[in-house]
Amino acid sequence: MSELQTLKCYMSQLPATILKILGLTPPANTIPEPVQSILDLYEGIERISINMIDNFGLFEITYHKPQFMITNSEAMVLLSTKNPYTLGVFHQIMYGGFEVEPNGFHLLKHIEANGKKSCFVARQKDLERYDGGTHSVVKDTDMATWVESAKTINTFDLSLLHYHDFENLHKQQQRLRQRTPEDLIEKLILRTDKWILGNYKQLRNNSLMIILGTHGRSKLDLEYSEKIAQWREASVPVAIFIRK
């Protein structure tokens, strides 16, 4: 991790950056400009696999230390946004901001309209809202998403996989008065880290893996100590870049 580059950008710059890495031209005067410092690092990429993880940011990677991500990260991008929650992140990734299809732009539709293939794996209600009619696969659990990932990451030019188990598991455990949300977040991050390592081993060369964090579906009341709680409150979403 000694060579890890830490960069900063607006979350709304990710769509144009993804398009440029894939060799596509972003629409002019429609979405924010790509991040040149990221483009300089990732030339010759043939496919991108995005793993979007709820309740994951700068605090979680520092505090829980997921081994694969820490060991293999080449660039960690701190993402500036006024809405770091799941639906806000989806919106900015698909539309390059908070408008709906500004001047007709939708990331996955733009990719498919320009001769490349995409696959979006997530819950049905999120796909209905954000897939824009592009190729998508409904999966309701993280395990099902991970199993599906083996079929998609080398088949599509862009695969977007959403890991979202926390919301349902947290509700179950609240009813049963089991496991604190802090423990659950740690368990899911370390588990998903191992799964993503498996994906990385499967990826073909000249691939780019992006691990994208959100603050989850909604704000949580967590029971960290005051100092750690302040640290988490100040945490920002991150995107971790790893080349294969």
Protein backbone atom coordinates (compact mmCIF):
# COMPACT_ATOMS: atom_id res chain seq x y z
CA MET A 1 0.00 0.00 0.00
CA SER A 2 3.06 2.25 0.02
CA GLU A 3 2.47 3.24 -3.61
CA LEU A 4 -1.23 3.98 -3.11
CA GLN A 5 -2.25 7.23 -4.74
CA THR A 6 -4.94 9.24 -3.03
CA LEU A 7 -6.97 11.42 -5.36
CA LYS A 8 -10.05 13.60 -5.00
CA CYS A 9 -12.92 14.30 -7.35
CA TYR A 10 -16.64 14.89 -7.49
CA MET A 11 -18.73 11.73 -7.62
CA SER A 12 -20.51 13.19 -10.64
CA GLN A 13 -17.21 12.97 -12.58
CA LEU A 14 -17.17 9.17 -12.46
CA PRO A 15 -19.47 8.51 -15.47
CA ALA A 16 -17.29 10.46 -17.91
CA THR A 17 -14.17 8.90 -16.38
CA ILE A 18 -15.59 5.38 -16.83
CA LEU A 19 -16.52 6.12 -20.46
CA LYS A 20 -13.06 7.46 -21.29
CA ILE A 21 -11.33 4.45 -19.70
CA LEU A 22 -13.49 2.22 -21.92
CA GLY A 23 -12.44 4.21 -24.97
CA LEU A 24 -15.78 5.98 -25.40
CA THR A 25 -16.42 9.69 -25.81
CA PRO A 26 -18.59 11.32 -23.15
CA PRO A 27 -21.32 13.61 -24.49
CA ALA A 28 -20.11 17.20 -24.73
CA ASN A 29 -21.50 19.86 -22.39
CA THR A 30 -23.82 17.36 -20.71
CA ILE A 31 -22.03 15.75 -17.76
CA PRO A 32 -18.99 16.79 -15.68
CA GLU A 33 -15.54 16.28 -17.17
CA PRO A 34 -13.55 13.08 -16.51
CA VAL A 35 -10.73 13.00 -13.98
CA GLN A 36 -7.52 13.21 -15.99
CA SER A 37 -5.30 11.94 -13.17
CA ILE A 38 -7.29 8.68 -13.17
CA LEU A 39 -7.23 8.40 -16.96
CA ASP A 40 -3.44 8.76 -16.89
CA LEU A 41 -3.22 5.69 -14.65
CA TYR A 42 -5.52 3.39 -16.60
CA GLU A 43 -4.76 3.18 -20.30
CA GLY A 44 -5.37 -0.03 -22.24
CA ILE A 45 -8.27 -1.21 -20.09
CA GLU A 46 -10.66 -3.59 -21.87
CA ARG A 47 -13.35 -4.04 -19.21
CA ILE A 48 -14.45 -2.54 -15.88
CA SER A 49 -16.04 -4.36 -12.96
CA ILE A 50 -17.66 -2.05 -10.38
CA ASN A 51 -18.45 -3.50 -6.95
CA MET A 52 -20.75 -1.10 -5.11
CA ILE A 53 -20.85 -1.75 -1.35
CA ASP A 54 -23.31 -0.14 1.04
CA ASN A 55 -22.00 1.28 4.34
CA PHE A 56 -18.45 1.50 3.06
CA GLY A 57 -16.23 4.57 2.98
CA LEU A 58 -12.92 6.01 4.12
CA PHE A 59 -13.76 5.26 7.76
CA GLU A 60 -14.59 1.60 7.12
CA ILE A 61 -11.50 0.82 5.04
CA THR A 62 -9.31 2.45 7.71
CA TYR A 63 -11.09 0.97 10.72
CA HIS A 64 -11.88 -2.56 9.51
CA LYS A 65 -8.84 -3.00 7.20
CA PRO A 66 -10.23 -5.35 4.52
CA GLN A 67 -7.11 -7.22 3.48
CA PHE A 68 -7.53 -7.57 -0.28
CA MET A 69 -8.58 -3.96 -0.82
CA ILE A 70 -5.76 -2.55 1.31
CA THR A 71 -3.09 -4.82 -0.16
CA ASN A 72 -4.02 -4.35 -3.82
CA SER A 73 -5.34 -0.78 -4.04
CA GLU A 74 -3.45 1.35 -6.55
CA ALA A 75 -5.57 4.49 -6.26
CA MET A 76 -8.12 5.55 -3.68
CA VAL A 77 -10.38 8.35 -4.84
CA LEU A 78 -12.15 10.43 -2.19
CA LEU A 79 -15.54 11.32 -3.63
CA SER A 80 -17.12 14.67 -2.91
CA THR A 81 -20.93 14.64 -3.00
CA LYS A 82 -23.88 16.19 -1.22
CA ASN A 83 -25.66 12.81 -1.23
CA PRO A 84 -23.45 9.80 -0.33
CA TYR A 85 -26.38 7.43 0.26
CA THR A 86 -27.23 4.49 -2.00
CA LEU A 87 -29.86 6.07 -4.23
CA GLY A 88 -27.90 9.30 -4.46
CA VAL A 89 -24.83 7.37 -5.61
CA PHE A 90 -26.84 5.42 -8.19
CA HIS A 91 -28.26 8.67 -9.50
CA GLN A 92 -24.88 10.35 -9.87
CA ILE A 93 -23.30 7.29 -11.49
CA MET A 94 -26.08 6.91 -14.05
CA TYR A 95 -26.78 10.57 -14.82
CA GLY A 96 -23.60 12.43 -13.90
CA GLY A 97 -25.45 14.52 -11.33
CA PHE A 98 -28.88 14.91 -9.80
CA GLU A 99 -30.91 15.58 -12.92
CA VAL A 100 -32.69 12.69 -14.65
CA GLU A 101 -31.15 11.92 -18.05
CA PRO A 102 -29.64 15.37 -18.62
CA ASN A 103 -29.86 15.97 -22.38
CA GLY A 104 -30.77 12.28 -22.68
CA PHE A 105 -27.64 10.92 -20.94
CA HIS A 106 -27.70 7.63 -19.05
CA LEU A 107 -24.38 5.87 -18.46
CA LEU A 108 -25.43 2.33 -19.34
CA LYS A 109 -27.55 3.42 -22.31
CA HIS A 110 -24.60 5.44 -23.62
CA ILE A 111 -22.30 2.43 -23.31
CA GLU A 112 -24.71 0.13 -25.14
CA ALA A 113 -25.50 2.73 -27.82
CA ASN A 114 -21.79 2.90 -28.63
CA GLY A 115 -21.20 -0.78 -29.32
CA LYS A 116 -20.22 -2.05 -25.89
CA LYS A 117 -22.07 -4.27 -23.43
CA SER A 118 -23.07 -3.62 -19.83
CA CYS A 119 -24.68 -5.66 -17.06
CA PHE A 120 -26.25 -4.24 -13.90
CA VAL A 121 -26.86 -6.72 -11.04
CA ALA A 122 -28.98 -5.44 -8.15
CA ARG A 123 -32.36 -5.56 -6.45
CA GLN A 124 -35.42 -5.31 -8.66
CA LYS A 125 -36.63 -1.97 -7.32
CA ASP A 126 -33.23 -0.37 -7.95
CA LEU A 127 -33.01 -1.85 -11.44
CA GLU A 128 -36.49 -0.59 -12.29
CA ARG A 129 -35.43 2.87 -11.24
CA TYR A 130 -31.95 3.03 -12.73
CA ASP A 131 -31.18 0.45 -15.46
CA GLY A 132 -32.77 2.57 -18.21
CA GLY A 133 -33.92 -0.55 -20.04
CA THR A 134 -30.37 -1.86 -20.45
CA HIS A 135 -29.29 -5.43 -19.68
CA SER A 136 -29.78 -6.19 -15.98
CA VAL A 137 -30.12 -9.18 -13.64
CA VAL A 138 -32.26 -9.19 -10.50
CA LYS A 139 -30.54 -10.56 -7.39
CA ASP A 140 -31.92 -10.08 -3.90
CA THR A 141 -28.95 -11.22 -1.79
CA ASP A 142 -25.23 -10.59 -1.83
CA MET A 143 -24.50 -14.29 -2.21
CA ALA A 144 -26.66 -14.44 -5.34
CA THR A 145 -24.94 -11.32 -6.67
CA TRP A 146 -21.51 -12.83 -6.09
CA VAL A 147 -22.48 -16.07 -7.84
CA GLU A 148 -23.82 -14.02 -10.79
CA SER A 149 -20.61 -11.98 -10.89
CA ALA A 150 -18.66 -15.01 -12.12
CA LYS A 151 -20.84 -14.98 -15.25
CA THR A 152 -20.59 -11.25 -15.91
CA ILE A 153 -17.20 -9.78 -15.05
CA ASN A 154 -15.40 -11.16 -18.12
CA THR A 155 -18.44 -11.13 -20.42
CA PHE A 156 -19.38 -7.45 -20.34
CA ASP A 157 -17.38 -4.29 -20.96
CA LEU A 158 -18.92 -2.84 -17.80
CA SER A 159 -20.42 -4.85 -14.96
CA LEU A 160 -22.02 -3.09 -11.99
CA LEU A 161 -22.63 -5.32 -8.96
CA HIS A 162 -24.45 -3.98 -5.91
CA TYR A 163 -23.81 -5.57 -2.50
CA HIS A 164 -26.70 -4.52 -0.28
CA ASP A 165 -27.29 -7.25 2.35
CA PHE A 166 -26.87 -4.86 5.28
CA GLU A 167 -30.35 -3.34 5.01
CA ASN A 168 -32.32 -6.59 5.27
CA LEU A 169 -29.97 -8.27 7.76
CA HIS A 170 -30.03 -5.21 10.02
CA LYS A 171 -33.83 -5.25 10.08
CA GLN A 172 -33.85 -8.96 10.94
CA GLN A 173 -31.33 -8.55 13.71
CA GLN A 174 -33.16 -5.55 15.16
CA ARG A 175 -36.27 -7.70 15.51
CA LEU A 176 -34.29 -10.50 17.13
CA ARG A 177 -32.11 -8.11 19.14
CA GLN A 178 -28.98 -9.76 17.81
CA ARG A 179 -25.66 -8.36 16.59
CA THR A 180 -25.10 -4.59 16.64
CA PRO A 181 -25.04 -2.72 13.32
CA GLU A 182 -21.35 -1.97 13.87
CA ASP A 183 -20.57 -5.71 14.09
CA LEU A 184 -22.73 -6.43 11.06
CA ILE A 185 -21.00 -3.77 8.95
CA GLU A 186 -17.60 -5.23 9.86
CA LYS A 187 -18.70 -8.79 9.09
CA LEU A 188 -20.15 -7.85 5.70
CA ILE A 189 -17.15 -5.76 4.65
CA LEU A 190 -14.62 -8.48 5.50
CA ARG A 191 -16.79 -11.14 3.84
CA THR A 192 -17.25 -9.09 0.69
CA ASP A 193 -13.52 -8.36 0.62
CA LYS A 194 -12.89 -12.12 0.31
CA TRP A 195 -15.51 -12.44 -2.42
CA ILE A 196 -13.99 -9.59 -4.40
CA LEU A 197 -10.58 -11.28 -4.12
CA GLY A 198 -12.20 -14.29 -5.80
CA ASN A 199 -13.51 -12.03 -8.57
CA TYR A 200 -10.09 -10.48 -9.01
CA LYS A 201 -8.52 -13.90 -9.52
CA GLN A 202 -11.14 -14.67 -12.19
CA LEU A 203 -10.77 -11.39 -14.06
CA ARG A 204 -8.89 -11.44 -17.34
CA ASN A 205 -5.85 -9.26 -17.78
CA ASN A 206 -6.35 -5.64 -18.83
CA SER A 207 -9.35 -5.34 -16.53
CA LEU A 208 -10.08 -2.61 -14.00
CA MET A 209 -11.87 -3.33 -10.73
CA ILE A 210 -13.53 -0.38 -8.99
CA ILE A 211 -14.81 -0.79 -5.43
CA LEU A 212 -17.32 1.99 -4.82
CA GLY A 213 -18.68 2.78 -1.37
CA THR A 214 -21.94 4.39 -0.25
CA HIS A 215 -23.22 5.45 3.16
CA GLY A 216 -26.02 2.92 2.85
CA ARG A 217 -29.72 3.20 2.17
CA SER A 218 -30.28 5.65 5.04
CA LYS A 219 -28.46 7.23 7.98
CA LEU A 220 -27.78 4.94 10.94
CA ASP A 221 -27.48 5.56 14.66
CA LEU A 222 -24.34 3.66 15.58
CA GLU A 223 -22.84 3.03 18.98
CA TYR A 224 -19.18 3.80 18.43
CA SER A 225 -17.32 5.78 21.06
CA GLU A 226 -17.67 9.54 20.69
CA LYS A 227 -14.28 9.99 19.02
CA ILE A 228 -14.83 7.15 16.54
CA ALA A 229 -18.40 8.31 15.87
CA GLN A 230 -17.07 11.75 14.92
CA TRP A 231 -14.49 10.12 12.69
CA ARG A 232 -17.18 8.09 10.91
CA GLU A 233 -19.47 11.13 10.60
CA ALA A 234 -16.69 12.91 8.70
CA SER A 235 -16.05 9.90 6.45
CA VAL A 236 -16.50 10.31 2.71
CA PRO A 237 -17.40 7.72 0.06
CA VAL A 238 -14.42 6.23 -1.74
CA ALA A 239 -13.67 4.50 -5.00
CA ILE A 240 -10.77 2.06 -4.93
CA PHE A 241 -9.09 1.26 -8.26
CA ILE A 242 -7.29 -2.02 -8.88
CA ARG A 243 -5.89 -3.11 -12.25
CA LYS A 244 -5.64 -6.77 -13.24
